[in-house]
């Protein structure tokens, strides 16, 4: 019979530092990915031929390849190809940001084109410019429809930070791996790591649900 020994996970400094790294990476890459996704989504909605094709290829590549491979590639291969040495923390987060932007672009595009055709036609008849039409009529309605998928993707983004451990970013999973190597207690350590993700994501999920209901 296996006897659990939870004393091995009692290391507040280790876990607090790891949680801080996880939350910072998730927040920064989510915001940066969303901003880049909006730009890419605008290009898709505007239907600029050459740029739209480039964006479609970009989205296809990042949505159809494993995130783990992307992170490893940006961490190891990109500096070798470009000859430009970038900080480890930046290279590790670049894959997460670009991955998030690909999904955010599709969410933005889907939200905009979901607005009824009559809304577009009515604003055109009223003589609104494209920018005014988007700002005052289309985007306010589309944003409400984008909130649920954006929230879901942001939650996934935080869980995706667990992949950063493969390039030695000291997040929760990296800390769990290091502690497992020194204690040989993977069940206790990884169960505790899962609880930490629950602690972080539960209030975020509840707040997001309330926000969705209000909007």
N, C-alpha and C. Protein backbone atom coordinates (compact mmCIF):
# COMPACT_ATOMS: atom_id res chain seq x y z
N UNK A 1 0.84 -1.20 0.00
CA UNK A 1 0.00 0.00 0.00
C UNK A 1 0.87 1.25 0.00
N UNK A 2 0.53 2.16 -0.91
CA UNK A 2 1.30 3.40 -0.99
C UNK A 2 0.87 4.36 0.11
N UNK A 3 1.81 4.90 0.83
CA UNK A 3 1.51 5.86 1.89
C UNK A 3 1.92 7.25 1.44
N UNK A 4 0.95 8.15 1.39
CA UNK A 4 1.21 9.52 0.97
C UNK A 4 1.97 10.28 2.06
N UNK A 5 2.93 11.08 1.63
CA UNK A 5 3.69 11.92 2.54
C UNK A 5 3.65 13.35 2.01
N UNK A 6 2.70 14.11 2.51
CA UNK A 6 2.48 15.46 2.00
C UNK A 6 3.51 16.47 2.51
N UNK A 7 4.34 16.03 3.44
CA UNK A 7 5.35 16.96 3.97
C UNK A 7 6.38 17.35 2.91
N UNK A 8 6.50 16.53 1.86
CA UNK A 8 7.51 16.82 0.83
C UNK A 8 7.16 18.04 0.00
N UNK A 9 5.89 18.43 0.01
CA UNK A 9 5.49 19.58 -0.82
C UNK A 9 5.50 20.88 -0.03
N UNK A 10 5.86 20.81 1.24
CA UNK A 10 5.86 22.01 2.08
C UNK A 10 7.13 22.82 1.81
N UNK A 11 7.02 23.72 0.84
CA UNK A 11 8.12 24.62 0.49
C UNK A 11 7.50 25.89 -0.08
N UNK A 12 7.00 26.77 0.79
CA UNK A 12 6.26 27.98 0.34
C UNK A 12 7.01 28.83 -0.66
N UNK A 13 8.30 29.04 -0.43
CA UNK A 13 9.07 29.90 -1.33
C UNK A 13 9.13 29.33 -2.74
N UNK A 14 9.34 28.03 -2.84
CA UNK A 14 9.41 27.38 -4.14
C UNK A 14 8.11 27.56 -4.91
N UNK A 15 6.97 27.28 -4.26
CA UNK A 15 5.68 27.32 -4.93
C UNK A 15 5.22 28.75 -5.22
N UNK A 16 5.49 29.67 -4.30
CA UNK A 16 5.08 31.05 -4.53
C UNK A 16 5.83 31.65 -5.72
N UNK A 17 7.12 31.38 -5.79
CA UNK A 17 7.90 31.88 -6.94
C UNK A 17 7.40 31.26 -8.24
N UNK A 18 7.11 29.96 -8.19
CA UNK A 18 6.63 29.27 -9.39
C UNK A 18 5.27 29.80 -9.83
N UNK A 19 4.38 30.05 -8.86
CA UNK A 19 3.07 30.60 -9.19
C UNK A 19 3.20 31.99 -9.80
N UNK A 20 4.12 32.78 -9.26
CA UNK A 20 4.34 34.12 -9.81
C UNK A 20 4.78 34.07 -11.25
N UNK A 21 5.72 33.18 -11.56
CA UNK A 21 6.20 33.04 -12.94
C UNK A 21 5.07 32.59 -13.86
N UNK A 22 4.28 31.62 -13.41
CA UNK A 22 3.17 31.11 -14.21
C UNK A 22 2.15 32.20 -14.51
N UNK A 23 1.77 32.96 -13.49
CA UNK A 23 0.75 33.99 -13.67
C UNK A 23 1.25 35.11 -14.57
N UNK A 24 2.50 35.52 -14.39
CA UNK A 24 3.07 36.60 -15.21
C UNK A 24 3.14 36.17 -16.68
N UNK A 25 3.63 34.97 -16.93
CA UNK A 25 3.70 34.49 -18.31
C UNK A 25 2.32 34.40 -18.93
N UNK A 26 1.36 33.87 -18.17
CA UNK A 26 0.00 33.72 -18.70
C UNK A 26 -0.60 35.08 -19.02
N UNK A 27 -0.44 36.04 -18.10
CA UNK A 27 -1.04 37.36 -18.29
C UNK A 27 -0.40 38.11 -19.46
N UNK A 28 0.91 38.15 -19.49
CA UNK A 28 1.62 38.92 -20.52
C UNK A 28 1.39 38.32 -21.91
N UNK A 29 1.52 37.00 -22.03
CA UNK A 29 1.35 36.38 -23.35
C UNK A 29 -0.11 36.42 -23.81
N UNK A 30 -1.05 36.40 -22.86
CA UNK A 30 -2.46 36.49 -23.24
C UNK A 30 -2.78 37.87 -23.78
N UNK A 31 -2.34 38.92 -23.06
CA UNK A 31 -2.61 40.28 -23.50
C UNK A 31 -1.92 40.57 -24.84
N UNK A 32 -0.64 40.21 -24.93
CA UNK A 32 0.10 40.44 -26.17
C UNK A 32 -0.52 39.65 -27.32
N UNK A 33 -0.92 38.41 -27.05
CA UNK A 33 -1.53 37.59 -28.09
C UNK A 33 -2.87 38.14 -28.55
N UNK A 34 -3.65 38.66 -27.60
CA UNK A 34 -4.94 39.25 -27.96
C UNK A 34 -4.76 40.50 -28.81
N UNK A 35 -3.82 41.35 -28.43
CA UNK A 35 -3.57 42.57 -29.20
C UNK A 35 -3.12 42.24 -30.63
N UNK A 36 -2.18 41.31 -30.74
CA UNK A 36 -1.73 40.91 -32.07
C UNK A 36 -2.86 40.23 -32.84
N UNK A 37 -3.68 39.46 -32.12
CA UNK A 37 -4.81 38.80 -32.76
C UNK A 37 -5.82 39.77 -33.33
N UNK A 38 -6.04 40.89 -32.63
CA UNK A 38 -6.95 41.92 -33.13
C UNK A 38 -6.43 42.50 -34.44
N UNK A 39 -5.13 42.77 -34.49
CA UNK A 39 -4.53 43.31 -35.71
C UNK A 39 -4.69 42.32 -36.87
N UNK A 40 -4.38 41.05 -36.59
CA UNK A 40 -4.51 40.03 -37.63
C UNK A 40 -5.97 39.85 -38.04
N UNK A 41 -6.86 39.91 -37.05
CA UNK A 41 -8.29 39.78 -37.35
C UNK A 41 -8.80 40.92 -38.21
N UNK A 42 -8.32 42.13 -37.95
CA UNK A 42 -8.72 43.28 -38.77
C UNK A 42 -8.28 43.09 -40.22
N UNK A 43 -7.09 42.52 -40.41
CA UNK A 43 -6.61 42.27 -41.77
C UNK A 43 -7.52 41.26 -42.47
N UNK A 44 -7.94 40.24 -41.73
CA UNK A 44 -8.83 39.23 -42.31
C UNK A 44 -10.19 39.83 -42.67
N UNK A 45 -10.72 40.66 -41.76
CA UNK A 45 -12.04 41.26 -41.99
C UNK A 45 -11.98 42.25 -43.14
N UNK A 46 -10.89 43.00 -43.22
CA UNK A 46 -10.75 43.99 -44.30
C UNK A 46 -10.53 43.33 -45.66
N UNK A 47 -10.15 42.06 -45.64
CA UNK A 47 -9.96 41.28 -46.87
C UNK A 47 -8.95 41.92 -47.82
N UNK A 48 -7.81 42.30 -47.27
CA UNK A 48 -6.72 42.80 -48.10
C UNK A 48 -6.04 41.57 -48.71
N UNK A 49 -6.14 41.36 -50.01
CA UNK A 49 -5.78 40.07 -50.64
C UNK A 49 -4.46 39.45 -50.18
N UNK A 50 -3.34 40.12 -50.42
CA UNK A 50 -2.04 39.52 -50.13
C UNK A 50 -1.86 39.33 -48.63
N UNK A 51 -2.14 40.39 -47.84
CA UNK A 51 -1.97 40.30 -46.40
C UNK A 51 -2.88 39.24 -45.79
N UNK A 52 -4.11 39.15 -46.28
CA UNK A 52 -5.05 38.17 -45.75
C UNK A 52 -4.54 36.75 -45.98
N UNK A 53 -3.93 36.49 -47.13
CA UNK A 53 -3.39 35.16 -47.41
C UNK A 53 -2.24 34.84 -46.48
N UNK A 54 -1.39 35.83 -46.23
CA UNK A 54 -0.27 35.63 -45.30
C UNK A 54 -0.78 35.31 -43.90
N UNK A 55 -1.80 36.05 -43.47
CA UNK A 55 -2.37 35.83 -42.14
C UNK A 55 -3.02 34.46 -42.05
N UNK A 56 -3.69 34.03 -43.11
CA UNK A 56 -4.31 32.70 -43.13
C UNK A 56 -3.25 31.61 -42.96
N UNK A 57 -2.13 31.76 -43.64
CA UNK A 57 -1.04 30.79 -43.52
C UNK A 57 -0.48 30.80 -42.10
N UNK A 58 -0.28 31.99 -41.56
CA UNK A 58 0.22 32.15 -40.19
C UNK A 58 -0.69 31.43 -39.20
N UNK A 59 -1.99 31.68 -39.30
CA UNK A 59 -2.95 31.06 -38.39
C UNK A 59 -2.95 29.55 -38.56
N UNK A 60 -2.91 29.10 -39.80
CA UNK A 60 -2.92 27.66 -40.06
C UNK A 60 -1.71 26.97 -39.43
N UNK A 61 -0.55 27.58 -39.56
CA UNK A 61 0.67 26.98 -39.02
C UNK A 61 0.61 26.89 -37.50
N UNK A 62 0.21 27.97 -36.85
CA UNK A 62 0.24 27.99 -35.39
C UNK A 62 -0.92 27.20 -34.77
N UNK A 63 -2.03 27.08 -35.47
CA UNK A 63 -3.14 26.30 -34.93
C UNK A 63 -2.97 24.81 -35.17
N UNK A 64 -2.19 24.44 -36.17
CA UNK A 64 -2.10 23.03 -36.57
C UNK A 64 -0.78 22.37 -36.22
N UNK A 65 0.05 23.05 -35.44
CA UNK A 65 1.28 22.43 -34.94
C UNK A 65 1.26 22.46 -33.42
N UNK A 66 1.84 21.45 -32.78
CA UNK A 66 1.81 21.39 -31.31
C UNK A 66 2.52 22.59 -30.68
N UNK A 67 1.93 23.12 -29.63
CA UNK A 67 2.53 24.26 -28.94
C UNK A 67 3.89 23.90 -28.36
N UNK A 68 4.03 22.69 -27.89
CA UNK A 68 5.32 22.25 -27.34
C UNK A 68 6.43 22.38 -28.38
N UNK A 69 6.14 21.97 -29.61
CA UNK A 69 7.13 22.07 -30.69
C UNK A 69 7.46 23.53 -30.97
N UNK A 70 6.45 24.39 -30.95
CA UNK A 70 6.68 25.81 -31.20
C UNK A 70 7.59 26.42 -30.14
N UNK A 71 7.33 26.09 -28.89
CA UNK A 71 8.15 26.65 -27.80
C UNK A 71 9.60 26.19 -27.93
N UNK A 72 9.80 24.90 -28.18
CA UNK A 72 11.15 24.37 -28.33
C UNK A 72 11.84 25.01 -29.54
N UNK A 73 11.09 25.18 -30.63
CA UNK A 73 11.67 25.77 -31.84
C UNK A 73 12.11 27.20 -31.59
N UNK A 74 11.25 28.00 -30.97
CA UNK A 74 11.62 29.39 -30.72
C UNK A 74 12.77 29.49 -29.72
N UNK A 75 12.84 28.56 -28.81
CA UNK A 75 13.87 28.61 -27.77
C UNK A 75 15.24 28.21 -28.31
N UNK A 76 15.26 27.16 -29.15
CA UNK A 76 16.54 26.62 -29.60
C UNK A 76 16.87 26.98 -31.06
N UNK A 77 15.90 26.81 -31.95
CA UNK A 77 16.21 26.92 -33.38
C UNK A 77 16.26 28.36 -33.89
N UNK A 78 15.35 29.22 -33.43
CA UNK A 78 15.29 30.58 -33.95
C UNK A 78 16.60 31.34 -33.77
N UNK A 79 17.24 31.30 -32.59
CA UNK A 79 18.54 31.99 -32.46
C UNK A 79 19.60 31.43 -33.40
N UNK A 80 19.55 30.11 -33.67
CA UNK A 80 20.53 29.51 -34.58
C UNK A 80 20.32 29.99 -36.01
N UNK A 81 19.04 30.13 -36.40
CA UNK A 81 18.73 30.53 -37.78
C UNK A 81 19.00 32.01 -38.01
N UNK A 82 18.57 32.83 -37.06
CA UNK A 82 18.70 34.28 -37.22
C UNK A 82 20.06 34.81 -36.81
N UNK A 83 20.76 34.07 -35.95
CA UNK A 83 22.03 34.55 -35.44
C UNK A 83 21.87 35.62 -34.38
N UNK A 84 20.63 35.85 -33.99
CA UNK A 84 20.34 36.87 -32.98
C UNK A 84 20.01 36.18 -31.66
N UNK A 85 20.79 36.45 -30.66
CA UNK A 85 20.57 35.85 -29.35
C UNK A 85 19.55 36.68 -28.58
N UNK A 86 18.45 36.05 -28.23
CA UNK A 86 17.42 36.73 -27.47
C UNK A 86 17.37 36.18 -26.05
N UNK A 87 16.90 36.97 -25.09
CA UNK A 87 16.81 36.48 -23.71
C UNK A 87 15.97 35.21 -23.63
N UNK A 88 16.34 34.32 -22.74
CA UNK A 88 15.62 33.05 -22.61
C UNK A 88 14.14 33.27 -22.30
N UNK A 89 13.86 34.24 -21.41
CA UNK A 89 12.48 34.47 -21.01
C UNK A 89 11.64 34.96 -22.19
N UNK A 90 12.29 35.72 -23.08
CA UNK A 90 11.57 36.24 -24.24
C UNK A 90 11.31 35.13 -25.27
N UNK A 91 12.33 34.34 -25.53
CA UNK A 91 12.19 33.25 -26.50
C UNK A 91 11.14 32.25 -26.04
N UNK A 92 11.11 31.97 -24.74
CA UNK A 92 10.15 31.01 -24.20
C UNK A 92 8.72 31.51 -24.33
N UNK A 93 8.53 32.81 -24.12
CA UNK A 93 7.19 33.38 -24.19
C UNK A 93 6.71 33.69 -25.60
N UNK A 94 7.64 33.74 -26.55
CA UNK A 94 7.28 34.10 -27.91
C UNK A 94 6.33 33.07 -28.53
N UNK A 95 6.63 31.80 -28.31
CA UNK A 95 5.75 30.76 -28.84
C UNK A 95 4.34 30.85 -28.27
N UNK A 96 4.24 31.09 -26.97
CA UNK A 96 2.92 31.24 -26.33
C UNK A 96 2.16 32.42 -26.90
N UNK A 97 2.84 33.53 -27.10
CA UNK A 97 2.19 34.74 -27.60
C UNK A 97 1.66 34.54 -29.02
N UNK A 98 2.49 34.00 -29.89
CA UNK A 98 2.08 33.80 -31.28
C UNK A 98 0.97 32.74 -31.39
N UNK A 99 1.05 31.74 -30.54
CA UNK A 99 0.00 30.71 -30.51
C UNK A 99 -1.33 31.34 -30.11
N UNK A 100 -1.29 32.16 -29.08
CA UNK A 100 -2.51 32.84 -28.62
C UNK A 100 -3.05 33.77 -29.70
N UNK A 101 -2.18 34.47 -30.40
CA UNK A 101 -2.63 35.43 -31.41
C UNK A 101 -3.34 34.74 -32.56
N UNK A 102 -2.92 33.54 -32.90
CA UNK A 102 -3.57 32.81 -34.00
C UNK A 102 -5.03 32.49 -33.65
N UNK A 103 -5.27 32.05 -32.44
CA UNK A 103 -6.64 31.75 -32.02
C UNK A 103 -7.44 33.03 -31.82
N UNK A 104 -6.78 34.08 -31.27
CA UNK A 104 -7.47 35.35 -31.05
C UNK A 104 -7.91 35.97 -32.36
N UNK A 105 -7.10 35.83 -33.40
CA UNK A 105 -7.45 36.38 -34.72
C UNK A 105 -8.71 35.72 -35.26
N UNK A 106 -8.81 34.41 -35.10
CA UNK A 106 -10.00 33.69 -35.57
C UNK A 106 -11.23 34.05 -34.74
N UNK A 107 -11.04 34.23 -33.45
CA UNK A 107 -12.15 34.64 -32.58
C UNK A 107 -12.66 36.02 -33.00
N UNK A 108 -11.72 36.93 -33.25
CA UNK A 108 -12.10 38.29 -33.66
C UNK A 108 -12.82 38.26 -35.00
N UNK A 109 -12.28 37.54 -35.95
CA UNK A 109 -12.90 37.46 -37.29
C UNK A 109 -14.30 36.86 -37.19
N UNK A 110 -14.43 35.77 -36.43
CA UNK A 110 -15.73 35.13 -36.30
C UNK A 110 -16.75 36.05 -35.63
N UNK A 111 -16.28 36.80 -34.63
CA UNK A 111 -17.18 37.72 -33.94
C UNK A 111 -17.70 38.82 -34.86
N UNK A 112 -16.82 39.36 -35.68
CA UNK A 112 -17.21 40.45 -36.58
C UNK A 112 -18.15 39.95 -37.68
N UNK A 113 -17.83 38.83 -38.31
CA UNK A 113 -18.67 38.37 -39.42
C UNK A 113 -19.99 37.77 -38.93
N UNK A 114 -20.10 37.55 -37.60
CA UNK A 114 -21.36 37.02 -37.07
C UNK A 114 -22.45 38.08 -36.97
N UNK A 115 -22.06 39.35 -37.08
CA UNK A 115 -23.05 40.43 -37.02
C UNK A 115 -23.91 40.38 -38.28
N UNK A 116 -25.21 40.51 -38.10
CA UNK A 116 -26.16 40.36 -39.19
C UNK A 116 -25.85 41.32 -40.36
N UNK A 117 -26.09 40.85 -41.55
CA UNK A 117 -25.79 41.63 -42.75
C UNK A 117 -26.57 42.95 -42.76
N UNK A 118 -27.77 42.94 -42.17
CA UNK A 118 -28.57 44.16 -42.14
C UNK A 118 -27.90 45.29 -41.38
N UNK A 119 -27.11 44.95 -40.35
CA UNK A 119 -26.40 45.98 -39.59
C UNK A 119 -25.37 46.69 -40.48
N UNK A 120 -24.68 45.90 -41.28
CA UNK A 120 -23.69 46.48 -42.20
C UNK A 120 -24.37 47.36 -43.24
N UNK A 121 -25.45 46.85 -43.80
CA UNK A 121 -26.14 47.58 -44.87
C UNK A 121 -26.75 48.87 -44.34
N UNK A 122 -27.35 48.80 -43.14
CA UNK A 122 -27.97 50.00 -42.57
C UNK A 122 -26.94 51.09 -42.30
N UNK A 123 -25.79 50.72 -41.78
CA UNK A 123 -24.75 51.70 -41.49
C UNK A 123 -24.17 52.29 -42.78
N UNK A 124 -24.14 51.48 -43.83
CA UNK A 124 -23.67 51.99 -45.12
C UNK A 124 -24.65 53.00 -45.70
N UNK A 125 -25.95 52.69 -45.60
CA UNK A 125 -26.99 53.59 -46.09
C UNK A 125 -26.94 54.92 -45.35
N UNK A 126 -26.63 54.87 -44.06
CA UNK A 126 -26.55 56.10 -43.27
C UNK A 126 -25.30 56.92 -43.56
N UNK A 127 -24.43 56.38 -44.39
CA UNK A 127 -23.26 57.15 -44.82
C UNK A 127 -22.07 57.07 -43.89
N UNK A 128 -22.05 56.07 -42.98
CA UNK A 128 -20.91 55.93 -42.06
C UNK A 128 -19.69 55.42 -42.82
N UNK A 129 -18.54 55.92 -42.44
CA UNK A 129 -17.29 55.41 -43.00
C UNK A 129 -17.02 54.03 -42.41
N UNK A 130 -16.07 53.31 -43.02
CA UNK A 130 -15.76 51.96 -42.54
C UNK A 130 -15.29 51.99 -41.09
N UNK A 131 -14.42 52.95 -40.75
CA UNK A 131 -13.90 53.05 -39.38
C UNK A 131 -15.02 53.36 -38.39
N UNK A 132 -15.89 54.31 -38.75
CA UNK A 132 -17.01 54.68 -37.86
C UNK A 132 -17.97 53.52 -37.70
N UNK A 133 -18.23 52.83 -38.79
CA UNK A 133 -19.12 51.67 -38.76
C UNK A 133 -18.59 50.60 -37.80
N UNK A 134 -17.30 50.31 -37.91
CA UNK A 134 -16.70 49.28 -37.06
C UNK A 134 -16.69 49.72 -35.59
N UNK A 135 -16.34 50.98 -35.37
CA UNK A 135 -16.17 51.47 -33.99
C UNK A 135 -17.49 51.58 -33.23
N UNK A 136 -18.52 52.08 -33.87
CA UNK A 136 -19.76 52.40 -33.16
C UNK A 136 -20.88 51.37 -33.34
N UNK A 137 -20.79 50.54 -34.36
CA UNK A 137 -21.92 49.63 -34.63
C UNK A 137 -21.49 48.16 -34.55
N UNK A 138 -20.47 47.79 -35.30
CA UNK A 138 -20.11 46.38 -35.42
C UNK A 138 -19.35 45.87 -34.21
N UNK A 139 -18.26 46.54 -33.83
CA UNK A 139 -17.42 46.03 -32.74
C UNK A 139 -18.13 45.96 -31.39
N UNK A 140 -18.95 46.96 -31.01
CA UNK A 140 -19.64 46.82 -29.71
C UNK A 140 -20.51 45.57 -29.63
N UNK A 141 -21.16 45.21 -30.72
CA UNK A 141 -21.98 43.99 -30.73
C UNK A 141 -21.11 42.74 -30.81
N UNK A 142 -20.08 42.80 -31.63
CA UNK A 142 -19.22 41.63 -31.81
C UNK A 142 -18.45 41.30 -30.53
N UNK A 143 -18.06 42.33 -29.78
CA UNK A 143 -17.28 42.12 -28.57
C UNK A 143 -18.02 41.23 -27.57
N UNK A 144 -19.34 41.45 -27.45
CA UNK A 144 -20.13 40.63 -26.54
C UNK A 144 -20.07 39.16 -26.93
N UNK A 145 -20.03 38.90 -28.21
CA UNK A 145 -19.99 37.51 -28.68
C UNK A 145 -18.59 36.91 -28.58
N UNK A 146 -17.58 37.77 -28.52
CA UNK A 146 -16.21 37.29 -28.43
C UNK A 146 -15.81 36.91 -27.01
N UNK A 147 -16.50 37.47 -26.02
CA UNK A 147 -16.07 37.29 -24.63
C UNK A 147 -15.96 35.82 -24.21
N UNK A 148 -16.99 34.98 -24.43
CA UNK A 148 -16.87 33.58 -23.99
C UNK A 148 -15.66 32.84 -24.59
N UNK A 149 -15.46 32.89 -25.92
CA UNK A 149 -14.29 32.17 -26.46
C UNK A 149 -12.95 32.78 -26.02
N UNK A 150 -12.91 34.10 -25.82
CA UNK A 150 -11.68 34.72 -25.36
C UNK A 150 -11.36 34.26 -23.94
N UNK A 151 -12.38 34.20 -23.09
CA UNK A 151 -12.17 33.73 -21.72
C UNK A 151 -11.67 32.29 -21.73
N UNK A 152 -12.30 31.45 -22.53
CA UNK A 152 -11.88 30.04 -22.61
C UNK A 152 -10.44 29.91 -23.10
N UNK A 153 -10.08 30.70 -24.10
CA UNK A 153 -8.73 30.63 -24.64
C UNK A 153 -7.71 31.15 -23.64
N UNK A 154 -8.08 32.16 -22.85
CA UNK A 154 -7.18 32.69 -21.83
C UNK A 154 -6.93 31.66 -20.75
N UNK A 155 -7.97 30.94 -20.36
CA UNK A 155 -7.81 29.88 -19.36
C UNK A 155 -6.89 28.78 -19.90
N UNK A 156 -7.08 28.42 -21.16
CA UNK A 156 -6.20 27.44 -21.78
C UNK A 156 -4.76 27.94 -21.84
N UNK A 157 -4.62 29.24 -22.04
CA UNK A 157 -3.28 29.83 -22.12
C UNK A 157 -2.54 29.64 -20.80
N UNK A 158 -3.24 29.83 -19.69
CA UNK A 158 -2.58 29.65 -18.40
C UNK A 158 -2.14 28.20 -18.22
N UNK A 159 -2.99 27.27 -18.63
CA UNK A 159 -2.61 25.86 -18.52
C UNK A 159 -1.47 25.52 -19.49
N UNK A 160 -1.44 26.21 -20.63
CA UNK A 160 -0.38 25.96 -21.60
C UNK A 160 1.00 26.39 -21.10
N UNK A 161 1.03 27.28 -20.12
CA UNK A 161 2.32 27.69 -19.56
C UNK A 161 3.07 26.51 -18.95
N UNK A 162 2.35 25.44 -18.64
CA UNK A 162 3.02 24.26 -18.08
C UNK A 162 4.06 23.69 -19.04
N UNK A 163 3.92 23.98 -20.33
CA UNK A 163 4.87 23.48 -21.32
C UNK A 163 6.20 24.22 -21.28
N UNK A 164 6.22 25.38 -20.63
CA UNK A 164 7.46 26.15 -20.54
C UNK A 164 8.52 25.43 -19.72
N UNK A 165 8.10 24.47 -18.93
CA UNK A 165 9.07 23.75 -18.09
C UNK A 165 10.10 23.00 -18.93
N UNK A 166 9.76 22.67 -20.18
CA UNK A 166 10.71 21.92 -21.02
C UNK A 166 11.90 22.77 -21.43
N UNK A 167 11.77 24.10 -21.33
CA UNK A 167 12.90 24.97 -21.64
C UNK A 167 13.39 25.68 -20.38
N UNK A 168 13.15 25.03 -19.24
CA UNK A 168 13.70 25.45 -17.94
C UNK A 168 13.17 26.78 -17.44
N UNK A 169 11.96 27.17 -17.83
CA UNK A 169 11.32 28.32 -17.22
C UNK A 169 10.76 27.87 -15.88
N UNK A 170 11.11 28.53 -14.78
CA UNK A 170 10.76 28.04 -13.44
C UNK A 170 9.30 28.27 -13.05
N UNK A 171 8.38 27.68 -13.82
CA UNK A 171 6.96 27.80 -13.51
C UNK A 171 6.55 26.68 -12.56
N UNK A 172 5.24 26.48 -12.41
CA UNK A 172 4.75 25.47 -11.47
C UNK A 172 5.22 24.07 -11.85
N UNK A 173 5.11 23.72 -13.13
CA UNK A 173 5.48 22.38 -13.54
C UNK A 173 6.99 22.15 -13.46
N UNK A 174 7.77 23.18 -13.70
CA UNK A 174 9.22 23.05 -13.57
C UNK A 174 9.58 22.82 -12.11
N UNK A 175 8.94 23.57 -11.22
CA UNK A 175 9.17 23.39 -9.79
C UNK A 175 8.75 22.00 -9.35
N UNK A 176 7.63 21.53 -9.88
CA UNK A 176 7.16 20.19 -9.54
C UNK A 176 8.15 19.13 -10.00
N UNK A 177 8.70 19.30 -11.20
CA UNK A 177 9.67 18.34 -11.71
C UNK A 177 10.93 18.32 -10.87
N UNK A 178 11.42 19.51 -10.49
CA UNK A 178 12.63 19.59 -9.68
C UNK A 178 12.41 18.96 -8.30
N UNK A 179 11.23 19.21 -7.71
CA UNK A 179 10.94 18.66 -6.39
C UNK A 179 10.77 17.14 -6.46
N UNK A 180 10.20 16.66 -7.55
CA UNK A 180 10.06 15.21 -7.72
C UNK A 180 11.41 14.53 -7.81
N UNK A 181 12.36 15.16 -8.50
CA UNK A 181 13.69 14.58 -8.64
C UNK A 181 14.41 14.47 -7.30
N UNK A 182 14.12 15.39 -6.39
CA UNK A 182 14.81 15.38 -5.10
C UNK A 182 14.09 14.57 -4.03
N UNK A 183 12.78 14.36 -4.20
CA UNK A 183 12.01 13.65 -3.17
C UNK A 183 11.53 12.27 -3.61
N UNK A 184 11.50 12.03 -4.93
CA UNK A 184 10.98 10.78 -5.49
C UNK A 184 9.53 10.54 -5.04
N UNK A 185 8.75 11.64 -4.99
CA UNK A 185 7.34 11.56 -4.60
C UNK A 185 6.48 12.24 -5.66
N UNK A 186 6.39 11.67 -6.86
CA UNK A 186 5.65 12.34 -7.94
C UNK A 186 4.16 12.48 -7.68
N UNK A 187 3.54 11.51 -7.00
CA UNK A 187 2.11 11.60 -6.77
C UNK A 187 1.75 12.81 -5.91
N UNK A 188 2.46 12.98 -4.82
CA UNK A 188 2.18 14.12 -3.94
C UNK A 188 2.50 15.44 -4.63
N UNK A 189 3.65 15.49 -5.30
CA UNK A 189 4.11 16.75 -5.89
C UNK A 189 3.19 17.19 -7.03
N UNK A 190 2.87 16.29 -7.95
CA UNK A 190 2.05 16.68 -9.10
C UNK A 190 0.58 16.87 -8.72
N UNK A 191 0.13 16.16 -7.69
CA UNK A 191 -1.22 16.41 -7.20
C UNK A 191 -1.31 17.82 -6.59
N UNK A 192 -0.28 18.20 -5.86
CA UNK A 192 -0.25 19.53 -5.27
C UNK A 192 -0.15 20.60 -6.37
N UNK A 193 0.62 20.32 -7.42
CA UNK A 193 0.73 21.26 -8.54
C UNK A 193 -0.63 21.45 -9.20
N UNK A 194 -1.38 20.36 -9.36
CA UNK A 194 -2.72 20.46 -9.94
C UNK A 194 -3.63 21.31 -9.07
N UNK A 195 -3.50 21.18 -7.77
CA UNK A 195 -4.30 22.00 -6.85
C UNK A 195 -3.96 23.48 -6.98
N UNK A 196 -2.69 23.78 -7.23
CA UNK A 196 -2.30 25.18 -7.42
C UNK A 196 -2.96 25.77 -8.67
N UNK A 197 -3.01 24.98 -9.74
CA UNK A 197 -3.70 25.46 -10.94
C UNK A 197 -5.18 25.70 -10.65
N UNK A 198 -5.78 24.83 -9.85
CA UNK A 198 -7.18 25.02 -9.47
C UNK A 198 -7.36 26.30 -8.67
N UNK A 199 -6.44 26.56 -7.76
CA UNK A 199 -6.51 27.76 -6.93
C UNK A 199 -6.43 29.01 -7.79
N UNK A 200 -5.58 28.99 -8.81
CA UNK A 200 -5.42 30.15 -9.68
C UNK A 200 -6.61 30.32 -10.60
N UNK A 201 -7.07 29.23 -11.19
CA UNK A 201 -8.07 29.32 -12.24
C UNK A 201 -9.51 29.39 -11.75
N UNK A 202 -9.79 28.87 -10.59
CA UNK A 202 -11.18 28.86 -10.10
C UNK A 202 -11.76 30.27 -9.96
N UNK A 203 -11.09 31.19 -9.25
CA UNK A 203 -11.66 32.55 -9.16
C UNK A 203 -11.72 33.25 -10.51
N UNK A 204 -10.74 32.99 -11.38
CA UNK A 204 -10.76 33.59 -12.71
C UNK A 204 -11.97 33.10 -13.49
N UNK A 205 -12.24 31.82 -13.40
CA UNK A 205 -13.37 31.23 -14.11
C UNK A 205 -14.70 31.78 -13.59
N UNK A 206 -14.82 31.91 -12.26
CA UNK A 206 -16.05 32.43 -11.66
C UNK A 206 -16.29 33.88 -12.06
N UNK A 207 -15.24 34.70 -12.03
CA UNK A 207 -15.37 36.10 -12.43
C UNK A 207 -15.74 36.21 -13.91
N UNK A 208 -15.13 35.36 -14.72
CA UNK A 208 -15.42 35.39 -16.15
C UNK A 208 -16.87 35.00 -16.41
N UNK A 209 -17.39 34.03 -15.65
CA UNK A 209 -18.78 33.60 -15.82
C UNK A 209 -19.74 34.74 -15.49
N UNK A 210 -19.46 35.46 -14.43
CA UNK A 210 -20.30 36.60 -14.06
C UNK A 210 -20.24 37.68 -15.12
N UNK A 211 -19.06 37.92 -15.65
CA UNK A 211 -18.90 38.95 -16.67
C UNK A 211 -19.67 38.57 -17.93
N UNK A 212 -19.64 37.30 -18.28
CA UNK A 212 -20.38 36.83 -19.46
C UNK A 212 -21.89 37.02 -19.27
N UNK A 213 -22.38 36.73 -18.06
CA UNK A 213 -23.82 36.86 -17.79
C UNK A 213 -24.26 38.32 -17.91
N UNK A 214 -23.43 39.24 -17.40
CA UNK A 214 -23.77 40.67 -17.46
C UNK A 214 -23.77 41.20 -18.87
N UNK A 215 -22.99 40.58 -19.73
CA UNK A 215 -22.88 41.09 -21.10
C UNK A 215 -23.56 40.16 -22.12
